[in-house]
């Protein structure tokens, strides 16, 4: 399977689907990662397609136990105090050198929550139904063990709802629902996700500042479409935005920001689509503020 691998995506919904034929998985609060076990070694790929093996040497070492020709999709997390720590994952991902990455690997060891098996023994499994891919995933990882492990999964909606209520204390941010007969649809939002938090996925439509270091992003929320200026990007997201932003169209537009007024921003091409998770905040003026969380 060629790298970069186009990953499957999930559409945000307000409630879990019902009616049978669904599997439900907890959504861990981490960084999306594809693990490719090649004959010569291991490749770690972020959702964006960027190679991140240098930042996670502990996962590279662990993945050497996988048979060659294996491709996994999942989430890298760091556990701290009995719950996942997203800030710790960000620290790991931002390691500036191989030496620093090794230090962080000892201080903040990573775990990998695998939720799909895309290839086994070099055979592409993406056209197989989820139920079969899931069975193969569990069988493959059972003898390997932590830090590589399959996420829990259930076909019982009541069990999933119990997870939804009980697991937030461990850092689980919600649930993902997948059709049992569904193929792995790279680049499409074929899965469904329900979150606990006040976050939403928004489409990135523009930016302010230079493209090499955007200061803020302009996003459109589902069902609305009105442009909203995010709060300033933190350093880590600014660097990631510079890598991920689609090409500017060469056109500009104006968005009105609370307490700032009219702000001119650069419009972005909408192919490829870039999605940003934003946290909704209410300002003292009663307006809506979008705080950037991570790219999706």
C-alpha atoms as a PDB file:
ATOM      1  CA  UNK A   1       0.000   0.000   0.000  1.00  0.00           C
ATOM      2  CA  UNK A   2       1.429   3.335  -1.046  1.00  0.00           C
ATOM      3  CA  UNK A   3       2.152   6.116   1.424  1.00  0.00           C
ATOM      4  CA  UNK A   4       0.519   8.534   2.001  1.00  0.00           C
ATOM      5  CA  UNK A   5      -2.630   6.543   2.754  1.00  0.00           C
ATOM      6  CA  UNK A   6      -5.884   8.478   2.397  1.00  0.00           C
ATOM      7  CA  UNK A   7      -7.737   7.919   5.665  1.00  0.00           C
ATOM      8  CA  UNK A   8     -11.459   7.411   6.190  1.00  0.00           C
ATOM      9  CA  UNK A   9     -13.295  10.235   7.947  1.00  0.00           C
ATOM     10  CA  UNK A  10     -16.321  10.637  10.217  1.00  0.00           C
ATOM     11  CA  UNK A  11     -19.277  12.997  10.058  1.00  0.00           C
ATOM     12  CA  UNK A  12     -20.341  14.688  13.302  1.00  0.00           C
ATOM     13  CA  UNK A  13     -23.907  13.859  14.366  1.00  0.00           C
ATOM     14  CA  UNK A  14     -25.996  14.571  17.458  1.00  0.00           C
ATOM     15  CA  UNK A  15     -27.044  11.001  18.306  1.00  0.00           C
ATOM     16  CA  UNK A  16     -25.931   7.426  17.752  1.00  0.00           C
ATOM     17  CA  UNK A  17     -27.630   5.641  14.832  1.00  0.00           C
ATOM     18  CA  UNK A  18     -30.070   2.859  15.649  1.00  0.00           C
ATOM     19  CA  UNK A  19     -31.692   0.025  13.756  1.00  0.00           C
ATOM     20  CA  UNK A  20     -29.012  -2.653  13.735  1.00  0.00           C
ATOM     21  CA  UNK A  21     -26.051  -3.235  11.492  1.00  0.00           C
ATOM     22  CA  UNK A  22     -23.788  -0.827  13.383  1.00  0.00           C
ATOM     23  CA  UNK A  23     -20.618  -1.173  15.452  1.00  0.00           C
ATOM     24  CA  UNK A  24     -19.715   1.448  18.058  1.00  0.00           C
ATOM     25  CA  UNK A  25     -16.208   2.403  19.216  1.00  0.00           C
ATOM     26  CA  UNK A  26     -14.910   4.920  21.768  1.00  0.00           C
ATOM     27  CA  UNK A  27     -13.205   7.944  20.209  1.00  0.00           C
ATOM     28  CA  UNK A  28      -9.876   8.524  21.969  1.00  0.00           C
ATOM     29  CA  UNK A  29      -8.480  12.027  22.314  1.00  0.00           C
ATOM     30  CA  UNK A  30      -5.210  11.797  20.415  1.00  0.00           C
ATOM     31  CA  UNK A  31      -3.569  12.178  17.000  1.00  0.00           C
ATOM     32  CA  UNK A  32      -4.675  10.152  13.984  1.00  0.00           C
ATOM     33  CA  UNK A  33      -1.906   7.859  12.751  1.00  0.00           C
ATOM     34  CA  UNK A  34      -1.438   5.167  10.112  1.00  0.00           C
ATOM     35  CA  UNK A  35       1.184   2.495  10.822  1.00  0.00           C
ATOM     36  CA  UNK A  36       2.734   0.816   7.783  1.00  0.00           C
ATOM     37  CA  UNK A  37       4.947  -2.204   8.493  1.00  0.00           C
ATOM     38  CA  UNK A  38       7.203  -2.610   5.490  1.00  0.00           C
ATOM     39  CA  UNK A  39       9.808  -5.297   4.842  1.00  0.00           C
ATOM     40  CA  UNK A  40      12.580  -2.834   5.655  1.00  0.00           C
ATOM     41  CA  UNK A  41      11.019  -1.169   8.690  1.00  0.00           C
ATOM     42  CA  UNK A  42       8.097   0.953   9.891  1.00  0.00           C
ATOM     43  CA  UNK A  43       6.469   4.103   8.511  1.00  0.00           C
ATOM     44  CA  UNK A  44       4.246   6.295  10.703  1.00  0.00           C
ATOM     45  CA  UNK A  45       1.949   8.662   8.842  1.00  0.00           C
ATOM     46  CA  UNK A  46      -0.214  11.477  10.230  1.00  0.00           C
ATOM     47  CA  UNK A  47      -3.659  12.132   8.780  1.00  0.00           C
ATOM     48  CA  UNK A  48      -2.176  14.920   6.672  1.00  0.00           C
ATOM     49  CA  UNK A  49       0.177  12.435   5.009  1.00  0.00           C
ATOM     50  CA  UNK A  50       3.218  13.777   6.847  1.00  0.00           C
ATOM     51  CA  UNK A  51       5.669  11.154   8.094  1.00  0.00           C
ATOM     52  CA  UNK A  52       6.007  11.321  11.888  1.00  0.00           C
ATOM     53  CA  UNK A  53       8.152   8.320  12.777  1.00  0.00           C
ATOM     54  CA  UNK A  54      10.957  10.478  14.162  1.00  0.00           C
ATOM     55  CA  UNK A  55       8.595  11.954  16.777  1.00  0.00           C
ATOM     56  CA  UNK A  56       7.366   8.533  17.975  1.00  0.00           C
ATOM     57  CA  UNK A  57      10.382   6.188  18.120  1.00  0.00           C
ATOM     58  CA  UNK A  58       8.684   4.052  20.777  1.00  0.00           C
ATOM     59  CA  UNK A  59       5.823   3.247  18.399  1.00  0.00           C
ATOM     60  CA  UNK A  60       8.270   2.540  15.580  1.00  0.00           C
ATOM     61  CA  UNK A  61      10.020   0.028  17.857  1.00  0.00           C
ATOM     62  CA  UNK A  62       6.712  -1.540  18.918  1.00  0.00           C
ATOM     63  CA  UNK A  63       5.448  -1.827  15.334  1.00  0.00           C
ATOM     64  CA  UNK A  64       8.475  -3.923  14.376  1.00  0.00           C
ATOM     65  CA  UNK A  65       6.602  -6.796  16.058  1.00  0.00           C
ATOM     66  CA  UNK A  66       3.930  -6.624  13.335  1.00  0.00           C
ATOM     67  CA  UNK A  67       4.179  -8.894  10.300  1.00  0.00           C
ATOM     68  CA  UNK A  68       5.481  -7.198   7.167  1.00  0.00           C
ATOM     69  CA  UNK A  69       2.668  -6.025   4.913  1.00  0.00           C
ATOM     70  CA  UNK A  70       0.493  -4.792   7.799  1.00  0.00           C
ATOM     71  CA  UNK A  71      -1.236  -1.391   7.618  1.00  0.00           C
ATOM     72  CA  UNK A  72      -3.150  -0.093  10.645  1.00  0.00           C
ATOM     73  CA  UNK A  73      -5.315   2.981  11.160  1.00  0.00           C
ATOM     74  CA  UNK A  74      -5.789   4.371  14.642  1.00  0.00           C
ATOM     75  CA  UNK A  75      -5.086   7.028  17.217  1.00  0.00           C
ATOM     76  CA  UNK A  76      -1.879   7.675  19.127  1.00  0.00           C
ATOM     77  CA  UNK A  77      -2.553   8.665  22.744  1.00  0.00           C
ATOM     78  CA  UNK A  78      -0.560   9.355  25.891  1.00  0.00           C
ATOM     79  CA  UNK A  79      -2.003   8.208  29.217  1.00  0.00           C
ATOM     80  CA  UNK A  80      -1.406  10.367  32.276  1.00  0.00           C
ATOM     81  CA  UNK A  81      -3.147  10.094  35.632  1.00  0.00           C
ATOM     82  CA  UNK A  82      -5.564   7.455  34.358  1.00  0.00           C
ATOM     83  CA  UNK A  83      -6.773   9.431  31.343  1.00  0.00           C
ATOM     84  CA  UNK A  84      -5.588  10.413  27.902  1.00  0.00           C
ATOM     85  CA  UNK A  85      -3.639  13.665  27.742  1.00  0.00           C
ATOM     86  CA  UNK A  86      -4.000  15.464  24.412  1.00  0.00           C
ATOM     87  CA  UNK A  87      -1.471  18.151  25.356  1.00  0.00           C
ATOM     88  CA  UNK A  88       1.102  15.410  25.960  1.00  0.00           C
ATOM     89  CA  UNK A  89       0.463  13.968  22.480  1.00  0.00           C
ATOM     90  CA  UNK A  90       1.017  17.441  21.035  1.00  0.00           C
ATOM     91  CA  UNK A  91       4.335  17.681  22.886  1.00  0.00           C
ATOM     92  CA  UNK A  92       5.358  14.330  21.448  1.00  0.00           C
ATOM     93  CA  UNK A  93       4.370  15.318  17.911  1.00  0.00           C
ATOM     94  CA  UNK A  94       6.267  18.617  18.132  1.00  0.00           C
ATOM     95  CA  UNK A  95       9.625  17.052  19.109  1.00  0.00           C
ATOM     96  CA  UNK A  96      12.257  19.102  17.274  1.00  0.00           C
ATOM     97  CA  UNK A  97      14.984  16.450  17.097  1.00  0.00           C
ATOM     98  CA  UNK A  98      15.461  12.690  17.299  1.00  0.00           C
ATOM     99  CA  UNK A  99      17.252  13.080  20.636  1.00  0.00           C
ATOM    100  CA  UNK A 100      14.394  15.131  22.084  1.00  0.00           C
ATOM    101  CA  UNK A 101      11.877  12.589  20.768  1.00  0.00           C
ATOM    102  CA  UNK A 102      13.698   9.794  22.621  1.00  0.00           C
ATOM    103  CA  UNK A 103      13.607  11.778  25.873  1.00  0.00           C
ATOM    104  CA  UNK A 104       9.887  12.459  25.488  1.00  0.00           C
ATOM    105  CA  UNK A 105       9.258   8.806  24.652  1.00  0.00           C
ATOM    106  CA  UNK A 106      10.652   7.884  28.061  1.00  0.00           C
ATOM    107  CA  UNK A 107       8.786  10.654  29.886  1.00  0.00           C
ATOM    108  CA  UNK A 108       5.494  10.392  27.977  1.00  0.00           C
ATOM    109  CA  UNK A 109       5.275   6.904  26.427  1.00  0.00           C
ATOM    110  CA  UNK A 110       2.743   6.629  23.628  1.00  0.00           C
ATOM    111  CA  UNK A 111       0.041   4.038  23.120  1.00  0.00           C
ATOM    112  CA  UNK A 112      -1.651   3.194  19.849  1.00  0.00           C
ATOM    113  CA  UNK A 113      -5.397   2.554  19.754  1.00  0.00           C
ATOM    114  CA  UNK A 114      -5.933   0.727  16.459  1.00  0.00           C
ATOM    115  CA  UNK A 115      -9.430   0.845  15.000  1.00  0.00           C
ATOM    116  CA  UNK A 116      -8.945  -0.566  11.510  1.00  0.00           C
ATOM    117  CA  UNK A 117      -6.818  -2.998   9.531  1.00  0.00           C
ATOM    118  CA  UNK A 118      -6.208  -1.792   5.978  1.00  0.00           C
ATOM    119  CA  UNK A 119      -3.756  -4.450   4.849  1.00  0.00           C
ATOM    120  CA  UNK A 120      -2.500  -7.832   6.078  1.00  0.00           C
ATOM    121  CA  UNK A 121       0.343  -9.846   4.576  1.00  0.00           C
ATOM    122  CA  UNK A 122       0.484  -7.250   1.825  1.00  0.00           C
ATOM    123  CA  UNK A 123      -3.175  -7.793   0.816  1.00  0.00           C
ATOM    124  CA  UNK A 124      -5.393  -4.704   0.638  1.00  0.00           C
ATOM    125  CA  UNK A 125      -8.423  -5.252   2.915  1.00  0.00           C
ATOM    126  CA  UNK A 126     -10.192  -1.931   2.401  1.00  0.00           C
ATOM    127  CA  UNK A 127     -12.944  -3.463   0.245  1.00  0.00           C
ATOM    128  CA  UNK A 128     -13.835  -6.019   2.902  1.00  0.00           C
ATOM    129  CA  UNK A 129     -16.716  -5.265   5.304  1.00  0.00           C
ATOM    130  CA  UNK A 130     -15.808  -3.635   8.619  1.00  0.00           C
ATOM    131  CA  UNK A 131     -16.912  -6.730  10.586  1.00  0.00           C
ATOM    132  CA  UNK A 132     -14.318  -8.886   8.835  1.00  0.00           C
ATOM    133  CA  UNK A 133     -11.588  -6.252   9.098  1.00  0.00           C
ATOM    134  CA  UNK A 134     -12.364  -5.932  12.810  1.00  0.00           C
ATOM    135  CA  UNK A 135     -12.055  -9.692  13.429  1.00  0.00           C
ATOM    136  CA  UNK A 136      -8.723  -9.750  11.607  1.00  0.00           C
ATOM    137  CA  UNK A 137      -7.500  -6.704  13.538  1.00  0.00           C
ATOM    138  CA  UNK A 138      -8.229  -8.291  16.918  1.00  0.00           C
ATOM    139  CA  UNK A 139      -6.581 -11.567  15.911  1.00  0.00           C
ATOM    140  CA  UNK A 140      -3.509  -9.774  14.573  1.00  0.00           C
ATOM    141  CA  UNK A 141      -2.908  -7.592  17.642  1.00  0.00           C
ATOM    142  CA  UNK A 142      -3.780 -10.103  20.376  1.00  0.00           C
ATOM    143  CA  UNK A 143      -0.292 -11.703  20.442  1.00  0.00           C
ATOM    144  CA  UNK A 144       1.450  -8.322  20.029  1.00  0.00           C
ATOM    145  CA  UNK A 145      -0.019  -6.518  23.029  1.00  0.00           C
ATOM    146  CA  UNK A 146       0.537  -2.974  24.355  1.00  0.00           C
ATOM    147  CA  UNK A 147       1.388  -0.366  23.336  1.00  0.00           C
ATOM    148  CA  UNK A 148      -0.390  -1.583  20.171  1.00  0.00           C
ATOM    149  CA  UNK A 149      -3.959  -2.616  20.905  1.00  0.00           C
ATOM    150  CA  UNK A 150      -7.383  -2.660  19.282  1.00  0.00           C
ATOM    151  CA  UNK A 151      -9.989  -0.189  20.515  1.00  0.00           C
ATOM    152  CA  UNK A 152     -13.057  -1.709  22.187  1.00  0.00           C
ATOM    153  CA  UNK A 153     -16.018  -2.272  19.873  1.00  0.00           C
ATOM    154  CA  UNK A 154     -19.621  -3.335  20.430  1.00  0.00           C
ATOM    155  CA  UNK A 155     -22.679  -3.915  18.290  1.00  0.00           C
ATOM    156  CA  UNK A 156     -24.991  -3.336  21.262  1.00  0.00           C
ATOM    157  CA  UNK A 157     -26.279   0.242  21.275  1.00  0.00           C
ATOM    158  CA  UNK A 158     -27.134   0.157  24.999  1.00  0.00           C
ATOM    159  CA  UNK A 159     -23.557  -0.860  25.812  1.00  0.00           C
ATOM    160  CA  UNK A 160     -22.303   1.972  23.619  1.00  0.00           C
ATOM    161  CA  UNK A 161     -24.537   4.459  25.449  1.00  0.00           C
ATOM    162  CA  UNK A 162     -23.123   3.186  28.752  1.00  0.00           C
ATOM    163  CA  UNK A 163     -19.633   3.838  27.393  1.00  0.00           C
ATOM    164  CA  UNK A 164     -20.736   7.297  26.311  1.00  0.00           C
ATOM    165  CA  UNK A 165     -21.754   8.146  29.877  1.00  0.00           C
ATOM    166  CA  UNK A 166     -18.924   6.380  31.731  1.00  0.00           C
ATOM    167  CA  UNK A 167     -15.768   6.890  29.660  1.00  0.00           C
ATOM    168  CA  UNK A 168     -15.331  10.701  29.515  1.00  0.00           C
ATOM    169  CA  UNK A 169     -13.448  10.531  32.824  1.00  0.00           C
ATOM    170  CA  UNK A 170     -10.716   8.602  31.010  1.00  0.00           C
ATOM    171  CA  UNK A 171     -10.380  11.209  28.261  1.00  0.00           C
ATOM    172  CA  UNK A 172     -12.601   9.492  25.683  1.00  0.00           C
ATOM    173  CA  UNK A 173     -14.228  12.312  23.716  1.00  0.00           C
ATOM    174  CA  UNK A 174     -17.171  10.420  22.250  1.00  0.00           C
ATOM    175  CA  UNK A 175     -18.143   7.477  20.071  1.00  0.00           C
ATOM    176  CA  UNK A 176     -17.733   6.504  16.412  1.00  0.00           C
ATOM    177  CA  UNK A 177     -20.367   4.402  14.628  1.00  0.00           C
ATOM    178  CA  UNK A 178     -19.485   2.230  11.622  1.00  0.00           C
ATOM    179  CA  UNK A 179     -21.621   0.055   9.387  1.00  0.00           C
ATOM    180  CA  UNK A 180     -20.787  -3.624   9.876  1.00  0.00           C
ATOM    181  CA  UNK A 181     -20.944  -4.141   6.123  1.00  0.00           C
ATOM    182  CA  UNK A 182     -19.099  -0.928   5.292  1.00  0.00           C
ATOM    183  CA  UNK A 183     -15.894  -0.766   3.284  1.00  0.00           C
ATOM    184  CA  UNK A 184     -12.984   1.443   4.326  1.00  0.00           C
ATOM    185  CA  UNK A 185     -13.714   4.619   2.348  1.00  0.00           C
ATOM    186  CA  UNK A 186     -10.552   6.728   2.278  1.00  0.00           C
ATOM    187  CA  UNK A 187     -11.248  10.440   1.981  1.00  0.00           C
ATOM    188  CA  UNK A 188     -14.996  10.054   2.629  1.00  0.00           C
ATOM    189  CA  UNK A 189     -17.097  10.716   5.735  1.00  0.00           C
ATOM    190  CA  UNK A 190     -18.729   7.293   5.871  1.00  0.00           C
ATOM    191  CA  UNK A 191     -18.473   6.943   9.658  1.00  0.00           C
ATOM    192  CA  UNK A 192     -20.512   8.863  12.238  1.00  0.00           C
ATOM    193  CA  UNK A 193     -19.217  10.438  15.454  1.00  0.00           C
ATOM    194  CA  UNK A 194     -20.920  11.776  18.558  1.00  0.00           C
ATOM    195  CA  UNK A 195     -18.909  13.985  20.907  1.00  0.00           C
ATOM    196  CA  UNK A 196     -19.290  14.944  24.555  1.00  0.00           C
ATOM    197  CA  UNK A 197     -17.573  18.289  24.377  1.00  0.00           C
ATOM    198  CA  UNK A 198     -18.577  21.657  23.026  1.00  0.00           C
ATOM    199  CA  UNK A 199     -16.449  21.145  19.938  1.00  0.00           C
ATOM    200  CA  UNK A 200     -17.563  21.054  16.315  1.00  0.00           C
ATOM    201  CA  UNK A 201     -15.930  20.365  12.984  1.00  0.00           C
ATOM    202  CA  UNK A 202     -15.682  23.395  10.719  1.00  0.00           C
ATOM    203  CA  UNK A 203     -14.525  23.812   7.133  1.00  0.00           C
ATOM    204  CA  UNK A 204     -11.446  26.031   6.749  1.00  0.00           C
ATOM    205  CA  UNK A 205     -12.203  28.656   4.081  1.00  0.00           C
ATOM    206  CA  UNK A 206      -9.457  31.228   4.634  1.00  0.00           C
ATOM    207  CA  UNK A 207      -6.677  32.610   6.797  1.00  0.00           C
ATOM    208  CA  UNK A 208      -5.104  35.819   8.041  1.00  0.00           C
ATOM    209  CA  UNK A 209      -1.398  36.573   8.136  1.00  0.00           C
ATOM    210  CA  UNK A 210       1.246  35.019   5.893  1.00  0.00           C
ATOM    211  CA  UNK A 211       0.647  31.506   4.474  1.00  0.00           C
ATOM    212  CA  UNK A 212       3.954  30.401   6.010  1.00  0.00           C
ATOM    213  CA  UNK A 213       2.623  31.252   9.478  1.00  0.00           C
ATOM    214  CA  UNK A 214      -1.134  31.955   9.541  1.00  0.00           C
ATOM    215  CA  UNK A 215      -2.231  34.012  12.550  1.00  0.00           C
ATOM    216  CA  UNK A 216      -5.874  32.840  12.530  1.00  0.00           C
ATOM    217  CA  UNK A 217      -8.223  30.846  10.333  1.00  0.00           C
ATOM    218  CA  UNK A 218     -11.629  31.616   8.902  1.00  0.00           C
ATOM    219  CA  UNK A 219     -14.038  28.695   9.169  1.00  0.00           C
ATOM    220  CA  UNK A 220     -17.607  27.829   8.184  1.00  0.00           C
ATOM    221  CA  UNK A 221     -19.738  25.686  10.494  1.00  0.00           C
ATOM    222  CA  UNK A 222     -22.038  22.950   9.139  1.00  0.00           C
ATOM    223  CA  UNK A 223     -25.571  24.139   8.493  1.00  0.00           C
ATOM    224  CA  UNK A 224     -24.562  27.796   8.638  1.00  0.00           C
ATOM    225  CA  UNK A 225     -21.814  28.685   6.210  1.00  0.00           C
ATOM    226  CA  UNK A 226     -21.232  32.167   7.599  1.00  0.00           C
ATOM    227  CA  UNK A 227     -17.468  32.816   7.937  1.00  0.00           C
ATOM    228  CA  UNK A 228     -16.117  32.985  11.498  1.00  0.00           C
ATOM    229  CA  UNK A 229     -12.640  34.137  12.481  1.00  0.00           C
ATOM    230  CA  UNK A 230     -10.997  31.825  14.993  1.00  0.00           C
ATOM    231  CA  UNK A 231      -9.005  33.041  17.937  1.00  0.00           C
ATOM    232  CA  UNK A 232      -5.245  33.257  17.235  1.00  0.00           C
ATOM    233  CA  UNK A 233      -3.581  29.951  16.445  1.00  0.00           C
ATOM    234  CA  UNK A 234      -1.156  28.542  19.025  1.00  0.00           C
ATOM    235  CA  UNK A 235       2.379  27.938  17.751  1.00  0.00           C
ATOM    236  CA  UNK A 236       1.956  24.205  17.114  1.00  0.00           C
ATOM    237  CA  UNK A 237      -1.238  24.667  15.116  1.00  0.00           C
ATOM    238  CA  UNK A 238       0.260  27.594  13.216  1.00  0.00           C
ATOM    239  CA  UNK A 239       3.097  25.395  11.971  1.00  0.00           C
ATOM    240  CA  UNK A 240       0.671  22.604  11.093  1.00  0.00           C
ATOM    241  CA  UNK A 241      -1.621  25.041   9.277  1.00  0.00           C
ATOM    242  CA  UNK A 242       1.293  26.234   7.146  1.00  0.00           C
ATOM    243  CA  UNK A 243       1.774  22.625   5.994  1.00  0.00           C
ATOM    244  CA  UNK A 244      -1.878  21.719   5.490  1.00  0.00           C
ATOM    245  CA  UNK A 245      -3.601  24.795   4.067  1.00  0.00           C
ATOM    246  CA  UNK A 246      -4.862  24.383   0.497  1.00  0.00           C
ATOM    247  CA  UNK A 247      -3.529  26.873  -2.039  1.00  0.00           C
ATOM    248  CA  UNK A 248      -4.821  30.473  -1.752  1.00  0.00           C
ATOM    249  CA  UNK A 249      -7.154  31.480  -4.582  1.00  0.00           C
ATOM    250  CA  UNK A 250      -5.559  34.923  -4.868  1.00  0.00           C
ATOM    251  CA  UNK A 251      -8.844  36.501  -3.751  1.00  0.00           C
ATOM    252  CA  UNK A 252      -9.675  38.121  -0.417  1.00  0.00           C
ATOM    253  CA  UNK A 253     -12.838  38.672   1.598  1.00  0.00           C
ATOM    254  CA  UNK A 254     -13.913  40.341   4.835  1.00  0.00           C
ATOM    255  CA  UNK A 255     -15.138  38.769   8.068  1.00  0.00           C
ATOM    256  CA  UNK A 256     -16.486  40.674  11.084  1.00  0.00           C
ATOM    257  CA  UNK A 257     -14.857  39.676  14.378  1.00  0.00           C
ATOM    258  CA  UNK A 258     -16.236  40.587  17.810  1.00  0.00           C
ATOM    259  CA  UNK A 259     -14.212  43.356  19.425  1.00  0.00           C
ATOM    260  CA  UNK A 260     -12.092  43.779  16.301  1.00  0.00           C
ATOM    261  CA  UNK A 261     -14.417  44.760  13.495  1.00  0.00           C
ATOM    262  CA  UNK A 262     -13.860  43.937   9.856  1.00  0.00           C
ATOM    263  CA  UNK A 263     -10.851  41.731   9.099  1.00  0.00           C
ATOM    264  CA  UNK A 264      -9.593  40.973   5.606  1.00  0.00           C
ATOM    265  CA  UNK A 265      -8.607  37.376   4.951  1.00  0.00           C
ATOM    266  CA  UNK A 266      -7.270  35.277   2.084  1.00  0.00           C
ATOM    267  CA  UNK A 267      -9.656  32.788   0.490  1.00  0.00           C
ATOM    268  CA  UNK A 268      -8.541  29.169   0.120  1.00  0.00           C
ATOM    269  CA  UNK A 269      -9.299  26.633  -2.573  1.00  0.00           C
ATOM    270  CA  UNK A 270     -11.740  24.016  -1.294  1.00  0.00           C
ATOM    271  CA  UNK A 271      -9.897  21.057  -2.771  1.00  0.00           C
ATOM    272  CA  UNK A 272      -8.520  19.311  -0.853  1.00  0.00           C
ATOM    273  CA  UNK A 273     -11.009  19.962   1.947  1.00  0.00           C
ATOM    274  CA  UNK A 274      -9.457  20.906   5.293  1.00  0.00           C
ATOM    275  CA  UNK A 275     -11.460  20.495   8.493  1.00  0.00           C
ATOM    276  CA  UNK A 276     -10.680  22.120  11.833  1.00  0.00           C
ATOM    277  CA  UNK A 277     -12.157  21.117  15.172  1.00  0.00           C
ATOM    278  CA  UNK A 278     -13.164  24.280  17.030  1.00  0.00           C
ATOM    279  CA  UNK A 279     -14.367  24.800  20.579  1.00  0.00           C
ATOM    280  CA  UNK A 280     -17.409  27.007  20.902  1.00  0.00           C
ATOM    281  CA  UNK A 281     -17.203  29.849  23.388  1.00  0.00           C
ATOM    282  CA  UNK A 282     -19.646  32.620  24.230  1.00  0.00           C
ATOM    283  CA  UNK A 283     -18.089  36.077  24.536  1.00  0.00           C
ATOM    284  CA  UNK A 284     -19.213  38.692  27.019  1.00  0.00           C
ATOM    285  CA  UNK A 285     -21.051  40.318  24.096  1.00  0.00           C
ATOM    286  CA  UNK A 286     -23.161  37.160  23.666  1.00  0.00           C
ATOM    287  CA  UNK A 287     -21.521  36.343  20.361  1.00  0.00           C
ATOM    288  CA  UNK A 288     -19.860  33.118  19.295  1.00  0.00           C
ATOM    289  CA  UNK A 289     -16.094  32.580  19.468  1.00  0.00           C
ATOM    290  CA  UNK A 290     -14.257  29.706  17.773  1.00  0.00           C
ATOM    291  CA  UNK A 291     -11.152  28.423  19.518  1.00  0.00           C
ATOM    292  CA  UNK A 292      -9.075  26.131  17.251  1.00  0.00           C
ATOM    293  CA  UNK A 293      -8.393  22.685  18.741  1.00  0.00           C
ATOM    294  CA  UNK A 294      -6.896  20.474  16.014  1.00  0.00           C
ATOM    295  CA  UNK A 295      -7.114  19.603  12.346  1.00  0.00           C
ATOM    296  CA  UNK A 296      -9.387  16.699  11.424  1.00  0.00           C
END
